[in-house]
Amino acid sequence: MADAPEPKRERSRSSLPDGVTISPDVFRPNRLPPGQQRTDQWPVMTSSGLPRINLRTWRLRVDGLVTRSVEWSWEEFAALPRVRVYADLHCVTRWSRLGILWEGVPTREILARCGGALPKARFVLVHAYDSGYTANLPLEDFLAEDALVATHHDGQPLTLEHGWPARLVVPRLYGWKSVKWLSRIELRERDRAGYWEMNGYHMRGDPWKEERFRW
């Protein structure tokens, strides 16, 4: 039997290439939120197994309270301006993976391509190819400087297990808000519970406040 691959260790800030956005939480004296434990592994978390995705038919749509709705094919989305973000990932199940170098399209760029949010927009409902999975978050968190729709991590394309071909990454919130297998971004005036929120998870999910559950 072949040996299991060694877990990838955290990349240090000093080794980052120029032009990388560093998530503000990386500068905290203690980077582990309350109740979290660090791991160098990357556990695979899904709600209903892995979806089947075909890049020829893949689409990402942005609609709702935006100036104009936009839909991209994979080729069109892959051609958008890209950034790299160095950030930590905190799962509500109490593991944290530190120092991931994400690459993808900033959420601010995505919204700008739609002409911006309409004045009444306050929340985002994010949809996935994962059997109708959704997650909600405030528009302010969606547009954070370190938020992006990622296609790569640590210099490699995402694997299917971790959200290939594109996933949302919002480092300031628990990982269930960073929706894998992204299909649609819907801007809304009123908050609406997503999949895990309807099953008792917190409506916002700030790991530094331990916003794990609604009750």
N, C-alpha and C. Protein backbone atom coordinates (compact mmCIF):
# COMPACT_ATOMS: atom_id res chain seq x y z
N MET A 1 0.85 -1.20 0.00
CA MET A 1 0.00 0.00 0.00
C MET A 1 0.89 1.24 0.00
N ALA A 2 0.55 2.21 -0.86
CA ALA A 2 1.34 3.44 -0.94
C ALA A 2 1.15 4.28 0.31
N ASP A 3 2.21 4.99 0.68
CA ASP A 3 2.10 5.88 1.83
C ASP A 3 1.15 7.02 1.53
N ALA A 4 0.43 7.48 2.56
CA ALA A 4 -0.45 8.64 2.40
C ALA A 4 0.40 9.88 2.17
N PRO A 5 -0.08 10.84 1.33
CA PRO A 5 0.70 12.05 1.10
C PRO A 5 0.83 12.87 2.37
N GLU A 6 1.97 13.52 2.50
CA GLU A 6 2.19 14.37 3.66
C GLU A 6 1.25 15.57 3.60
N PRO A 7 0.66 15.98 4.74
CA PRO A 7 -0.17 17.18 4.73
C PRO A 7 0.66 18.39 4.38
N LYS A 8 0.04 19.34 3.65
CA LYS A 8 0.75 20.53 3.23
C LYS A 8 0.81 21.53 4.39
N ARG A 9 2.02 21.95 4.71
CA ARG A 9 2.22 22.87 5.82
C ARG A 9 1.88 24.30 5.40
N GLU A 10 1.58 25.10 6.41
CA GLU A 10 1.22 26.50 6.15
C GLU A 10 2.37 27.26 5.51
N ARG A 11 2.05 28.00 4.47
CA ARG A 11 3.03 28.89 3.84
C ARG A 11 3.20 30.12 4.74
N SER A 12 4.43 30.54 4.97
CA SER A 12 4.67 31.70 5.82
C SER A 12 4.37 32.99 5.07
N ARG A 13 4.03 34.03 5.81
CA ARG A 13 3.75 35.31 5.17
C ARG A 13 4.98 35.84 4.44
N SER A 14 6.15 35.59 4.99
CA SER A 14 7.37 36.11 4.38
C SER A 14 7.67 35.47 3.02
N SER A 15 7.08 34.31 2.75
CA SER A 15 7.33 33.62 1.48
C SER A 15 6.31 33.97 0.40
N LEU A 16 5.35 34.84 0.71
CA LEU A 16 4.31 35.16 -0.24
C LEU A 16 4.85 35.98 -1.40
N PRO A 17 4.36 35.74 -2.61
CA PRO A 17 4.76 36.59 -3.73
C PRO A 17 4.16 37.98 -3.61
N ASP A 18 4.69 38.91 -4.38
CA ASP A 18 4.18 40.28 -4.35
C ASP A 18 2.73 40.32 -4.83
N GLY A 19 1.99 41.29 -4.31
CA GLY A 19 0.64 41.53 -4.79
C GLY A 19 -0.44 40.68 -4.15
N VAL A 20 -0.10 39.88 -3.15
CA VAL A 20 -1.09 39.03 -2.49
C VAL A 20 -1.85 39.84 -1.44
N THR A 21 -3.17 39.72 -1.44
CA THR A 21 -3.99 40.31 -0.38
C THR A 21 -3.94 39.39 0.84
N ILE A 22 -3.61 39.95 1.99
CA ILE A 22 -3.53 39.17 3.22
C ILE A 22 -4.77 39.44 4.06
N SER A 23 -5.48 38.41 4.40
CA SER A 23 -6.69 38.55 5.21
C SER A 23 -6.35 39.18 6.56
N PRO A 24 -7.14 40.16 7.02
CA PRO A 24 -6.83 40.83 8.30
C PRO A 24 -6.70 39.88 9.48
N ASP A 25 -7.44 38.79 9.49
CA ASP A 25 -7.38 37.87 10.63
C ASP A 25 -6.02 37.19 10.77
N VAL A 26 -5.24 37.16 9.69
CA VAL A 26 -3.91 36.56 9.75
C VAL A 26 -3.00 37.33 10.72
N PHE A 27 -3.28 38.60 10.92
CA PHE A 27 -2.44 39.44 11.77
C PHE A 27 -2.84 39.38 13.25
N ARG A 28 -3.86 38.61 13.58
CA ARG A 28 -4.24 38.48 14.98
C ARG A 28 -3.14 37.77 15.77
N PRO A 29 -2.88 38.18 17.03
CA PRO A 29 -1.88 37.48 17.85
C PRO A 29 -2.18 35.99 17.99
N ASN A 30 -3.46 35.64 18.12
CA ASN A 30 -3.89 34.25 18.15
C ASN A 30 -4.84 34.03 16.98
N ARG A 31 -4.40 33.28 15.98
CA ARG A 31 -5.19 33.10 14.76
C ARG A 31 -6.27 32.05 14.89
N LEU A 32 -6.34 31.34 16.01
CA LEU A 32 -7.38 30.34 16.20
C LEU A 32 -8.56 30.94 16.95
N PRO A 33 -9.74 30.99 16.33
CA PRO A 33 -10.93 31.47 17.05
C PRO A 33 -11.27 30.55 18.22
N PRO A 34 -12.11 31.00 19.14
CA PRO A 34 -12.48 30.19 20.30
C PRO A 34 -13.04 28.82 19.88
N GLY A 35 -12.58 27.78 20.57
CA GLY A 35 -13.10 26.44 20.34
C GLY A 35 -12.53 25.72 19.14
N GLN A 36 -11.57 26.33 18.41
CA GLN A 36 -11.02 25.72 17.20
C GLN A 36 -9.69 25.01 17.49
N GLN A 37 -9.39 24.00 16.68
CA GLN A 37 -8.12 23.29 16.74
C GLN A 37 -7.49 23.30 15.36
N ARG A 38 -6.19 23.54 15.32
CA ARG A 38 -5.49 23.62 14.04
C ARG A 38 -5.25 22.23 13.46
N THR A 39 -5.37 22.14 12.12
CA THR A 39 -5.01 20.92 11.41
C THR A 39 -4.24 21.30 10.15
N ASP A 40 -3.30 20.45 9.76
CA ASP A 40 -2.61 20.61 8.48
C ASP A 40 -3.27 19.77 7.40
N GLN A 41 -4.26 18.96 7.78
CA GLN A 41 -5.07 18.24 6.81
C GLN A 41 -6.16 19.16 6.28
N TRP A 42 -6.91 18.66 5.30
CA TRP A 42 -8.03 19.44 4.78
C TRP A 42 -9.23 18.51 4.68
N PRO A 43 -10.00 18.37 5.76
CA PRO A 43 -11.15 17.46 5.74
C PRO A 43 -12.15 17.83 4.65
N VAL A 44 -12.77 16.83 4.07
CA VAL A 44 -13.77 17.03 3.03
C VAL A 44 -15.14 17.07 3.68
N MET A 45 -15.84 18.18 3.51
CA MET A 45 -17.16 18.37 4.12
C MET A 45 -18.19 18.60 3.01
N THR A 46 -19.25 17.80 2.99
CA THR A 46 -20.35 17.99 2.03
C THR A 46 -21.67 17.76 2.74
N SER A 47 -22.74 18.25 2.14
CA SER A 47 -24.08 18.01 2.69
C SER A 47 -24.77 16.83 2.02
N SER A 48 -24.36 16.52 0.77
CA SER A 48 -25.06 15.46 0.04
C SER A 48 -24.15 14.76 -0.95
N GLY A 49 -22.88 14.70 -0.68
CA GLY A 49 -21.96 14.04 -1.60
C GLY A 49 -21.44 15.00 -2.67
N LEU A 50 -20.64 14.48 -3.58
CA LEU A 50 -20.01 15.31 -4.60
C LEU A 50 -20.90 15.43 -5.83
N PRO A 51 -21.09 16.64 -6.34
CA PRO A 51 -21.92 16.82 -7.53
C PRO A 51 -21.17 16.44 -8.80
N ARG A 52 -21.91 16.23 -9.88
CA ARG A 52 -21.31 16.04 -11.19
C ARG A 52 -21.36 17.38 -11.93
N ILE A 53 -20.22 17.83 -12.40
CA ILE A 53 -20.13 19.13 -13.05
C ILE A 53 -19.43 18.97 -14.39
N ASN A 54 -20.01 19.58 -15.41
CA ASN A 54 -19.45 19.57 -16.76
C ASN A 54 -19.08 21.01 -17.11
N LEU A 55 -17.80 21.27 -17.38
CA LEU A 55 -17.37 22.64 -17.67
C LEU A 55 -18.04 23.20 -18.92
N ARG A 56 -18.44 22.34 -19.84
CA ARG A 56 -19.10 22.85 -21.06
C ARG A 56 -20.45 23.46 -20.75
N THR A 57 -21.10 22.98 -19.71
CA THR A 57 -22.43 23.51 -19.38
C THR A 57 -22.43 24.32 -18.10
N TRP A 58 -21.29 24.41 -17.41
CA TRP A 58 -21.19 25.18 -16.17
C TRP A 58 -21.51 26.64 -16.43
N ARG A 59 -22.27 27.24 -15.53
CA ARG A 59 -22.59 28.66 -15.59
C ARG A 59 -22.57 29.23 -14.17
N LEU A 60 -22.16 30.49 -14.07
CA LEU A 60 -22.29 31.24 -12.83
C LEU A 60 -23.16 32.45 -13.13
N ARG A 61 -24.27 32.56 -12.42
CA ARG A 61 -25.22 33.65 -12.63
C ARG A 61 -25.26 34.55 -11.40
N VAL A 62 -25.31 35.85 -11.63
CA VAL A 62 -25.48 36.84 -10.57
C VAL A 62 -26.75 37.62 -10.89
N ASP A 63 -27.70 37.63 -9.94
CA ASP A 63 -28.97 38.30 -10.20
C ASP A 63 -29.58 38.79 -8.91
N GLY A 64 -30.87 39.13 -8.94
CA GLY A 64 -31.51 39.73 -7.79
C GLY A 64 -31.37 41.24 -7.84
N LEU A 65 -31.00 41.84 -6.72
CA LEU A 65 -30.94 43.30 -6.62
C LEU A 65 -29.59 43.83 -7.11
N VAL A 66 -29.34 43.62 -8.39
CA VAL A 66 -28.17 44.17 -9.06
C VAL A 66 -28.66 45.02 -10.23
N THR A 67 -27.80 45.90 -10.69
CA THR A 67 -28.18 46.78 -11.80
C THR A 67 -28.55 45.98 -13.04
N ARG A 68 -27.79 44.94 -13.32
CA ARG A 68 -28.12 44.05 -14.44
C ARG A 68 -27.64 42.64 -14.09
N SER A 69 -28.44 41.67 -14.43
CA SER A 69 -28.05 40.28 -14.20
C SER A 69 -26.98 39.87 -15.21
N VAL A 70 -26.07 39.04 -14.77
CA VAL A 70 -24.98 38.58 -15.62
C VAL A 70 -24.82 37.07 -15.44
N GLU A 71 -24.50 36.39 -16.53
CA GLU A 71 -24.21 34.96 -16.47
C GLU A 71 -22.94 34.68 -17.27
N TRP A 72 -22.01 33.94 -16.68
CA TRP A 72 -20.76 33.61 -17.35
C TRP A 72 -20.66 32.12 -17.62
N SER A 73 -20.10 31.78 -18.77
CA SER A 73 -19.63 30.41 -19.00
C SER A 73 -18.29 30.25 -18.30
N TRP A 74 -17.76 29.03 -18.26
CA TRP A 74 -16.47 28.83 -17.63
C TRP A 74 -15.37 29.63 -18.34
N GLU A 75 -15.36 29.63 -19.65
CA GLU A 75 -14.33 30.36 -20.38
C GLU A 75 -14.41 31.85 -20.09
N GLU A 76 -15.61 32.39 -20.02
CA GLU A 76 -15.78 33.82 -19.73
C GLU A 76 -15.37 34.14 -18.30
N PHE A 77 -15.74 33.30 -17.37
CA PHE A 77 -15.38 33.55 -15.98
C PHE A 77 -13.88 33.44 -15.77
N ALA A 78 -13.26 32.47 -16.37
CA ALA A 78 -11.82 32.27 -16.21
C ALA A 78 -11.00 33.43 -16.78
N ALA A 79 -11.61 34.24 -17.65
CA ALA A 79 -10.90 35.37 -18.25
C ALA A 79 -11.02 36.65 -17.43
N LEU A 80 -11.79 36.65 -16.34
CA LEU A 80 -11.96 37.85 -15.52
C LEU A 80 -10.69 38.14 -14.73
N PRO A 81 -10.50 39.40 -14.32
CA PRO A 81 -9.32 39.76 -13.52
C PRO A 81 -9.25 38.93 -12.24
N ARG A 82 -8.02 38.55 -11.87
CA ARG A 82 -7.83 37.63 -10.76
C ARG A 82 -6.95 38.24 -9.68
N VAL A 83 -7.10 37.71 -8.48
CA VAL A 83 -6.26 38.10 -7.34
C VAL A 83 -5.84 36.84 -6.60
N ARG A 84 -4.86 37.01 -5.70
CA ARG A 84 -4.48 35.95 -4.77
C ARG A 84 -4.69 36.46 -3.36
N VAL A 85 -5.24 35.61 -2.52
CA VAL A 85 -5.58 35.97 -1.14
C VAL A 85 -5.01 34.92 -0.20
N TYR A 86 -4.27 35.39 0.80
CA TYR A 86 -3.71 34.52 1.83
C TYR A 86 -4.61 34.61 3.06
N ALA A 87 -5.22 33.49 3.44
CA ALA A 87 -6.23 33.52 4.49
C ALA A 87 -6.32 32.19 5.20
N ASP A 88 -7.01 32.18 6.33
CA ASP A 88 -7.27 30.97 7.11
C ASP A 88 -8.71 30.52 6.87
N LEU A 89 -8.95 29.23 7.07
CA LEU A 89 -10.27 28.64 6.90
C LEU A 89 -10.69 27.98 8.20
N HIS A 90 -11.85 28.38 8.74
CA HIS A 90 -12.33 27.87 10.02
C HIS A 90 -13.66 27.14 9.81
N CYS A 91 -13.68 25.85 10.12
CA CYS A 91 -14.89 25.05 9.97
C CYS A 91 -15.68 25.06 11.27
N VAL A 92 -16.99 25.11 11.16
CA VAL A 92 -17.84 25.11 12.34
C VAL A 92 -17.70 23.81 13.14
N THR A 93 -17.19 22.76 12.52
CA THR A 93 -16.97 21.49 13.23
C THR A 93 -15.69 21.50 14.05
N ARG A 94 -15.05 22.69 14.15
CA ARG A 94 -13.99 23.00 15.11
C ARG A 94 -12.56 22.76 14.61
N TRP A 95 -12.37 22.55 13.31
CA TRP A 95 -11.01 22.52 12.80
C TRP A 95 -10.72 23.81 12.03
N SER A 96 -9.46 24.21 12.04
CA SER A 96 -9.00 25.39 11.30
C SER A 96 -7.76 25.01 10.50
N ARG A 97 -7.74 25.44 9.25
CA ARG A 97 -6.58 25.25 8.38
C ARG A 97 -6.00 26.63 8.09
N LEU A 98 -4.77 26.84 8.48
CA LEU A 98 -4.17 28.17 8.41
C LEU A 98 -3.32 28.32 7.16
N GLY A 99 -3.30 29.56 6.65
CA GLY A 99 -2.36 29.92 5.60
C GLY A 99 -2.62 29.33 4.24
N ILE A 100 -3.85 29.40 3.75
CA ILE A 100 -4.16 28.96 2.39
C ILE A 100 -3.97 30.13 1.44
N LEU A 101 -3.31 29.88 0.33
CA LEU A 101 -3.16 30.90 -0.71
C LEU A 101 -4.18 30.62 -1.81
N TRP A 102 -5.27 31.38 -1.77
CA TRP A 102 -6.34 31.23 -2.74
C TRP A 102 -6.06 32.07 -3.98
N GLU A 103 -6.62 31.67 -5.09
CA GLU A 103 -6.55 32.48 -6.32
C GLU A 103 -7.91 32.43 -7.01
N GLY A 104 -8.38 33.59 -7.47
CA GLY A 104 -9.65 33.63 -8.16
C GLY A 104 -10.08 35.06 -8.43
N VAL A 105 -11.37 35.23 -8.60
CA VAL A 105 -11.95 36.53 -8.96
C VAL A 105 -12.53 37.18 -7.72
N PRO A 106 -12.12 38.41 -7.40
CA PRO A 106 -12.67 39.05 -6.20
C PRO A 106 -14.16 39.28 -6.32
N THR A 107 -14.86 39.14 -5.21
CA THR A 107 -16.32 39.35 -5.24
C THR A 107 -16.66 40.78 -5.63
N ARG A 108 -15.82 41.72 -5.28
CA ARG A 108 -16.06 43.11 -5.68
C ARG A 108 -16.03 43.26 -7.19
N GLU A 109 -15.13 42.54 -7.84
CA GLU A 109 -15.05 42.56 -9.31
C GLU A 109 -16.31 41.96 -9.91
N ILE A 110 -16.78 40.87 -9.33
CA ILE A 110 -17.99 40.21 -9.83
C ILE A 110 -19.18 41.16 -9.77
N LEU A 111 -19.34 41.83 -8.63
CA LEU A 111 -20.47 42.73 -8.49
C LEU A 111 -20.32 43.95 -9.40
N ALA A 112 -19.11 44.44 -9.58
CA ALA A 112 -18.88 45.57 -10.48
C ALA A 112 -19.29 45.22 -11.90
N ARG A 113 -19.09 43.98 -12.31
CA ARG A 113 -19.48 43.55 -13.66
C ARG A 113 -20.98 43.54 -13.85
N CYS A 114 -21.71 43.57 -12.72
CA CYS A 114 -23.18 43.64 -12.78
C CYS A 114 -23.68 45.07 -12.61
N GLY A 115 -22.80 46.05 -12.62
CA GLY A 115 -23.19 47.43 -12.44
C GLY A 115 -23.40 47.82 -11.00
N GLY A 116 -23.05 46.93 -10.06
CA GLY A 116 -23.19 47.23 -8.64
C GLY A 116 -24.52 46.79 -8.07
N ALA A 117 -24.60 46.83 -6.75
CA ALA A 117 -25.82 46.45 -6.04
C ALA A 117 -26.83 47.59 -6.08
N LEU A 118 -28.10 47.26 -6.12
CA LEU A 118 -29.15 48.26 -5.99
C LEU A 118 -29.24 48.72 -4.52
N PRO A 119 -29.78 49.92 -4.28
CA PRO A 119 -29.76 50.48 -2.91
C PRO A 119 -30.39 49.58 -1.85
N LYS A 120 -31.40 48.79 -2.20
CA LYS A 120 -32.08 47.97 -1.21
C LYS A 120 -31.35 46.67 -0.88
N ALA A 121 -30.31 46.36 -1.61
CA ALA A 121 -29.61 45.10 -1.39
C ALA A 121 -28.88 45.13 -0.05
N ARG A 122 -29.10 44.13 0.77
CA ARG A 122 -28.46 44.01 2.09
C ARG A 122 -27.85 42.64 2.33
N PHE A 123 -28.34 41.63 1.63
CA PHE A 123 -27.92 40.26 1.88
C PHE A 123 -27.63 39.53 0.57
N VAL A 124 -26.94 38.41 0.70
CA VAL A 124 -26.64 37.56 -0.45
C VAL A 124 -27.06 36.14 -0.11
N LEU A 125 -27.72 35.49 -1.06
CA LEU A 125 -28.00 34.06 -0.95
C LEU A 125 -27.19 33.37 -2.05
N VAL A 126 -26.31 32.49 -1.63
CA VAL A 126 -25.39 31.84 -2.55
C VAL A 126 -25.88 30.42 -2.82
N HIS A 127 -25.92 30.06 -4.09
CA HIS A 127 -26.44 28.76 -4.51
C HIS A 127 -25.31 27.90 -5.06
N ALA A 128 -25.48 26.56 -4.93
CA ALA A 128 -24.45 25.63 -5.38
C ALA A 128 -25.04 24.58 -6.31
N TYR A 129 -24.16 23.90 -7.04
CA TYR A 129 -24.55 22.73 -7.83
C TYR A 129 -24.75 21.50 -6.95
N ASP A 130 -24.61 21.67 -5.67
CA ASP A 130 -24.68 20.58 -4.70
C ASP A 130 -26.12 20.36 -4.25
N SER A 131 -26.95 19.78 -5.10
CA SER A 131 -28.33 19.40 -4.76
C SER A 131 -29.12 20.54 -4.14
N GLY A 132 -28.96 21.76 -4.68
CA GLY A 132 -29.73 22.89 -4.19
C GLY A 132 -29.20 23.52 -2.93
N TYR A 133 -27.97 23.21 -2.54
CA TYR A 133 -27.37 23.81 -1.34
C TYR A 133 -27.32 25.33 -1.48
N THR A 134 -27.64 26.02 -0.37
CA THR A 134 -27.54 27.48 -0.32
C THR A 134 -26.94 27.89 1.01
N ALA A 135 -26.40 29.11 1.04
CA ALA A 135 -25.95 29.73 2.28
C ALA A 135 -26.18 31.23 2.16
N ASN A 136 -26.54 31.85 3.28
CA ASN A 136 -26.82 33.29 3.28
C ASN A 136 -25.71 34.03 4.01
N LEU A 137 -25.51 35.28 3.65
CA LEU A 137 -24.54 36.13 4.34
C LEU A 137 -24.84 37.58 4.05
N PRO A 138 -24.43 38.48 4.95
CA PRO A 138 -24.61 39.91 4.70
C PRO A 138 -23.80 40.35 3.49
N LEU A 139 -24.33 41.30 2.74
CA LEU A 139 -23.63 41.82 1.58
C LEU A 139 -22.27 42.38 1.98
N GLU A 140 -22.19 43.00 3.15
CA GLU A 140 -20.92 43.56 3.63
C GLU A 140 -19.84 42.49 3.73
N ASP A 141 -20.18 41.30 4.22
CA ASP A 141 -19.21 40.22 4.32
C ASP A 141 -18.85 39.68 2.94
N PHE A 142 -19.83 39.58 2.07
CA PHE A 142 -19.59 39.10 0.71
C PHE A 142 -18.60 39.99 -0.02
N LEU A 143 -18.63 41.29 0.27
CA LEU A 143 -17.77 42.25 -0.43
C LEU A 143 -16.52 42.61 0.35
N ALA A 144 -16.16 41.83 1.34
CA ALA A 144 -14.93 42.10 2.09
C ALA A 144 -13.73 42.05 1.14
N GLU A 145 -12.68 42.76 1.51
CA GLU A 145 -11.51 42.85 0.64
C GLU A 145 -10.87 41.50 0.36
N ASP A 146 -10.98 40.57 1.31
CA ASP A 146 -10.35 39.26 1.14
C ASP A 146 -11.32 38.18 0.65
N ALA A 147 -12.52 38.56 0.22
CA ALA A 147 -13.50 37.59 -0.29
C ALA A 147 -13.33 37.43 -1.80
N LEU A 148 -13.44 36.20 -2.26
CA LEU A 148 -13.27 35.93 -3.69
C LEU A 148 -13.99 34.66 -4.08
N VAL A 149 -14.18 34.49 -5.39
CA VAL A 149 -14.61 33.21 -5.94
C VAL A 149 -13.35 32.52 -6.43
N ALA A 150 -12.93 31.50 -5.71
CA ALA A 150 -11.63 30.88 -5.93
C ALA A 150 -11.73 29.73 -6.92
N THR A 151 -10.67 29.60 -7.73
CA THR A 151 -10.51 28.47 -8.64
C THR A 151 -9.26 27.66 -8.32
N HIS A 152 -8.34 28.26 -7.53
CA HIS A 152 -7.08 27.62 -7.18
C HIS A 152 -6.79 27.78 -5.68
N HIS A 153 -6.00 26.89 -5.15
CA HIS A 153 -5.47 27.05 -3.80
C HIS A 153 -4.03 26.55 -3.78
N ASP A 154 -3.15 27.30 -3.14
CA ASP A 154 -1.74 26.94 -3.02
C ASP A 154 -1.12 26.57 -4.37
N GLY A 155 -1.50 27.34 -5.40
CA GLY A 155 -0.91 27.17 -6.72
C GLY A 155 -1.49 26.07 -7.56
N GLN A 156 -2.51 25.35 -7.06
CA GLN A 156 -3.09 24.24 -7.79
C GLN A 156 -4.59 24.47 -8.01
N PRO A 157 -5.16 23.99 -9.11
CA PRO A 157 -6.60 24.08 -9.28
C PRO A 157 -7.32 23.36 -8.14
N LEU A 158 -8.46 23.86 -7.77
CA LEU A 158 -9.28 23.15 -6.79
C LEU A 158 -9.59 21.74 -7.27
N THR A 159 -9.68 20.82 -6.33
CA THR A 159 -10.20 19.50 -6.64
C THR A 159 -11.71 19.52 -6.47
N LEU A 160 -12.37 18.50 -7.03
CA LEU A 160 -13.81 18.42 -6.90
C LEU A 160 -14.23 18.39 -5.43
N GLU A 161 -13.47 17.68 -4.59
CA GLU A 161 -13.81 17.56 -3.18
C GLU A 161 -13.83 18.92 -2.48
N HIS A 162 -13.05 19.86 -2.98
CA HIS A 162 -12.95 21.17 -2.32
C HIS A 162 -13.58 22.30 -3.15
N GLY A 163 -14.45 21.93 -4.10
CA GLY A 163 -15.26 22.95 -4.74
C GLY A 163 -15.02 23.22 -6.20
N TRP A 164 -14.17 22.43 -6.87
CA TRP A 164 -13.93 22.63 -8.31
C TRP A 164 -15.25 22.69 -9.07
N PRO A 165 -15.35 23.58 -10.04
CA PRO A 165 -14.30 24.46 -10.56
C PRO A 165 -14.20 25.81 -9.87
N ALA A 166 -15.21 26.21 -9.09
CA ALA A 166 -15.17 27.53 -8.45
C ALA A 166 -16.00 27.49 -7.18
N ARG A 167 -15.43 28.11 -6.13
CA ARG A 167 -16.12 28.17 -4.86
C ARG A 167 -15.99 29.58 -4.27
N LEU A 168 -16.95 29.97 -3.48
CA LEU A 168 -16.85 31.21 -2.74
C LEU A 168 -15.89 31.02 -1.56
N VAL A 169 -15.12 32.06 -1.25
CA VAL A 169 -14.26 32.06 -0.07
C VAL A 169 -14.48 33.37 0.68
N VAL A 170 -15.01 33.28 1.90
CA VAL A 170 -15.24 34.44 2.76
C VAL A 170 -14.53 34.15 4.08
N PRO A 171 -13.26 34.51 4.22
CA PRO A 171 -12.47 34.08 5.37
C PRO A 171 -13.01 34.54 6.72
N ARG A 172 -13.73 35.64 6.77
CA ARG A 172 -14.16 36.17 8.07
C ARG A 172 -15.32 35.38 8.67
N LEU A 173 -15.93 34.45 7.91
CA LEU A 173 -17.05 33.65 8.41
C LEU A 173 -16.67 32.17 8.42
N TYR A 174 -17.43 31.38 9.18
CA TYR A 174 -17.20 29.94 9.19
C TYR A 174 -17.27 29.37 7.76
N GLY A 175 -16.59 28.25 7.57
CA GLY A 175 -16.42 27.69 6.25
C GLY A 175 -17.69 27.30 5.52
N TRP A 176 -18.78 27.01 6.22
CA TRP A 176 -19.99 26.61 5.50
C TRP A 176 -20.55 27.76 4.67
N LYS A 177 -20.17 29.00 4.98
CA LYS A 177 -20.59 30.14 4.17
C LYS A 177 -19.78 30.25 2.88
N SER A 178 -18.59 29.64 2.84
CA SER A 178 -17.74 29.66 1.64
C SER A 178 -18.18 28.53 0.71
N VAL A 179 -19.27 28.76 0.04
CA VAL A 179 -20.00 27.71 -0.69
C VAL A 179 -19.15 27.11 -1.81
N LYS A 180 -19.08 25.78 -1.82
CA LYS A 180 -18.39 25.06 -2.88
C LYS A 180 -19.33 24.87 -4.08
N TRP A 181 -18.73 24.59 -5.25
CA TRP A 181 -19.49 24.30 -6.48
C TRP A 181 -20.50 25.40 -6.80
N LEU A 182 -20.01 26.61 -6.79
CA LEU A 182 -20.85 27.80 -6.92
C LEU A 182 -21.62 27.81 -8.24
N SER A 183 -22.91 28.17 -8.17
CA SER A 183 -23.73 28.27 -9.39
C SER A 183 -24.45 29.60 -9.53
N ARG A 184 -24.79 30.24 -8.42
CA ARG A 184 -25.59 31.47 -8.52
C ARG A 184 -25.35 32.34 -7.29
N ILE A 185 -25.31 33.64 -7.51
CA ILE A 185 -25.18 34.64 -6.44
C ILE A 185 -26.40 35.56 -6.55
N GLU A 186 -27.22 35.56 -5.53
CA GLU A 186 -28.49 36.30 -5.54
C GLU A 186 -28.48 37.39 -4.47
N LEU A 187 -28.59 38.64 -4.88
CA LEU A 187 -28.64 39.76 -3.94
C LEU A 187 -30.08 40.01 -3.53
N ARG A 188 -30.30 40.23 -2.21
CA ARG A 188 -31.64 40.32 -1.67
C ARG A 188 -31.75 41.48 -0.69
N GLU A 189 -32.98 41.94 -0.50
CA GLU A 189 -33.24 42.97 0.51
C GLU A 189 -33.34 42.35 1.89
N ARG A 190 -33.96 41.18 1.98
CA ARG A 190 -34.18 40.52 3.27
C ARG A 190 -33.34 39.24 3.36
N ASP A 191 -32.91 38.95 4.57
CA ASP A 191 -32.13 37.75 4.80
C ASP A 191 -33.02 36.52 4.64
N ARG A 192 -32.44 35.45 4.13
CA ARG A 192 -33.17 34.20 3.97
C ARG A 192 -32.24 33.06 4.35
N ALA A 193 -32.68 32.22 5.25
CA ALA A 193 -31.85 31.12 5.73
C ALA A 193 -31.49 30.16 4.60
N GLY A 194 -30.23 29.73 4.59
CA GLY A 194 -29.78 28.72 3.65
C GLY A 194 -29.95 27.32 4.22
N TYR A 195 -29.26 26.35 3.62
CA TYR A 195 -29.43 24.94 3.98
C TYR A 195 -29.13 24.68 5.45
N TRP A 196 -27.92 25.03 5.90
CA TRP A 196 -27.57 24.76 7.28
C TRP A 196 -28.25 25.71 8.26
N GLU A 197 -28.53 26.91 7.82
CA GLU A 197 -29.25 27.86 8.70
C GLU A 197 -30.65 27.36 9.00
N MET A 198 -31.30 26.73 8.03
CA MET A 198 -32.63 26.16 8.27
C MET A 198 -32.55 24.96 9.21
N ASN A 199 -31.35 24.40 9.36
CA ASN A 199 -31.15 23.25 10.26
C ASN A 199 -30.47 23.64 11.56
N GLY A 200 -30.53 24.93 11.91
CA GLY A 200 -30.09 25.36 13.23
C GLY A 200 -28.79 26.11 13.29
N TYR A 201 -28.07 26.24 12.17
CA TYR A 201 -26.82 27.00 12.20
C TYR A 201 -27.11 28.50 12.25
N HIS A 202 -26.12 29.25 12.70
CA HIS A 202 -26.28 30.69 12.90
C HIS A 202 -26.50 31.40 11.57
N MET A 203 -27.26 32.48 11.60
CA MET A 203 -27.54 33.22 10.37
C MET A 203 -26.32 33.96 9.84
N ARG A 204 -25.35 34.31 10.71
CA ARG A 204 -24.15 35.00 10.22
C ARG A 204 -22.93 34.09 10.25
N GLY A 205 -22.56 33.55 11.40
CA GLY A 205 -21.46 32.61 11.45
C GLY A 205 -20.09 33.22 11.60
N ASP A 206 -19.95 34.16 12.55
CA ASP A 206 -18.65 34.77 12.84
C ASP A 206 -17.89 33.84 13.77
N PRO A 207 -16.74 33.27 13.34
CA PRO A 207 -16.02 32.33 14.21
C PRO A 207 -15.43 32.98 15.44
N TRP A 208 -15.13 34.27 15.40
CA TRP A 208 -14.52 34.95 16.54
C TRP A 208 -15.54 35.20 17.64
N LYS A 209 -16.83 35.15 17.30
CA LYS A 209 -17.89 35.25 18.30
C LYS A 209 -18.53 33.89 18.57
N GLU A 210 -17.98 32.85 17.99
CA GLU A 210 -18.52 31.48 18.10
C GLU A 210 -19.99 31.43 17.73
N GLU A 211 -20.33 32.05 16.63
CA GLU A 211 -21.71 32.03 16.13
C GLU A 211 -21.95 30.75 15.35
N ARG A 212 -22.03 29.64 16.08
CA ARG A 212 -22.19 28.34 15.46
C ARG A 212 -23.67 28.01 15.21
N PHE A 213 -24.50 28.24 16.21
CA PHE A 213 -25.88 27.79 16.14
C PHE A 213 -26.85 28.94 16.50
N ARG A 214 -28.07 28.78 15.99
CA ARG A 214 -29.10 29.80 16.24
C ARG A 214 -29.76 29.60 17.60
N TRP A 215 -29.69 28.40 18.15
CA TRP A 215 -30.31 28.12 19.44
C TRP A 215 -29.55 27.00 20.13
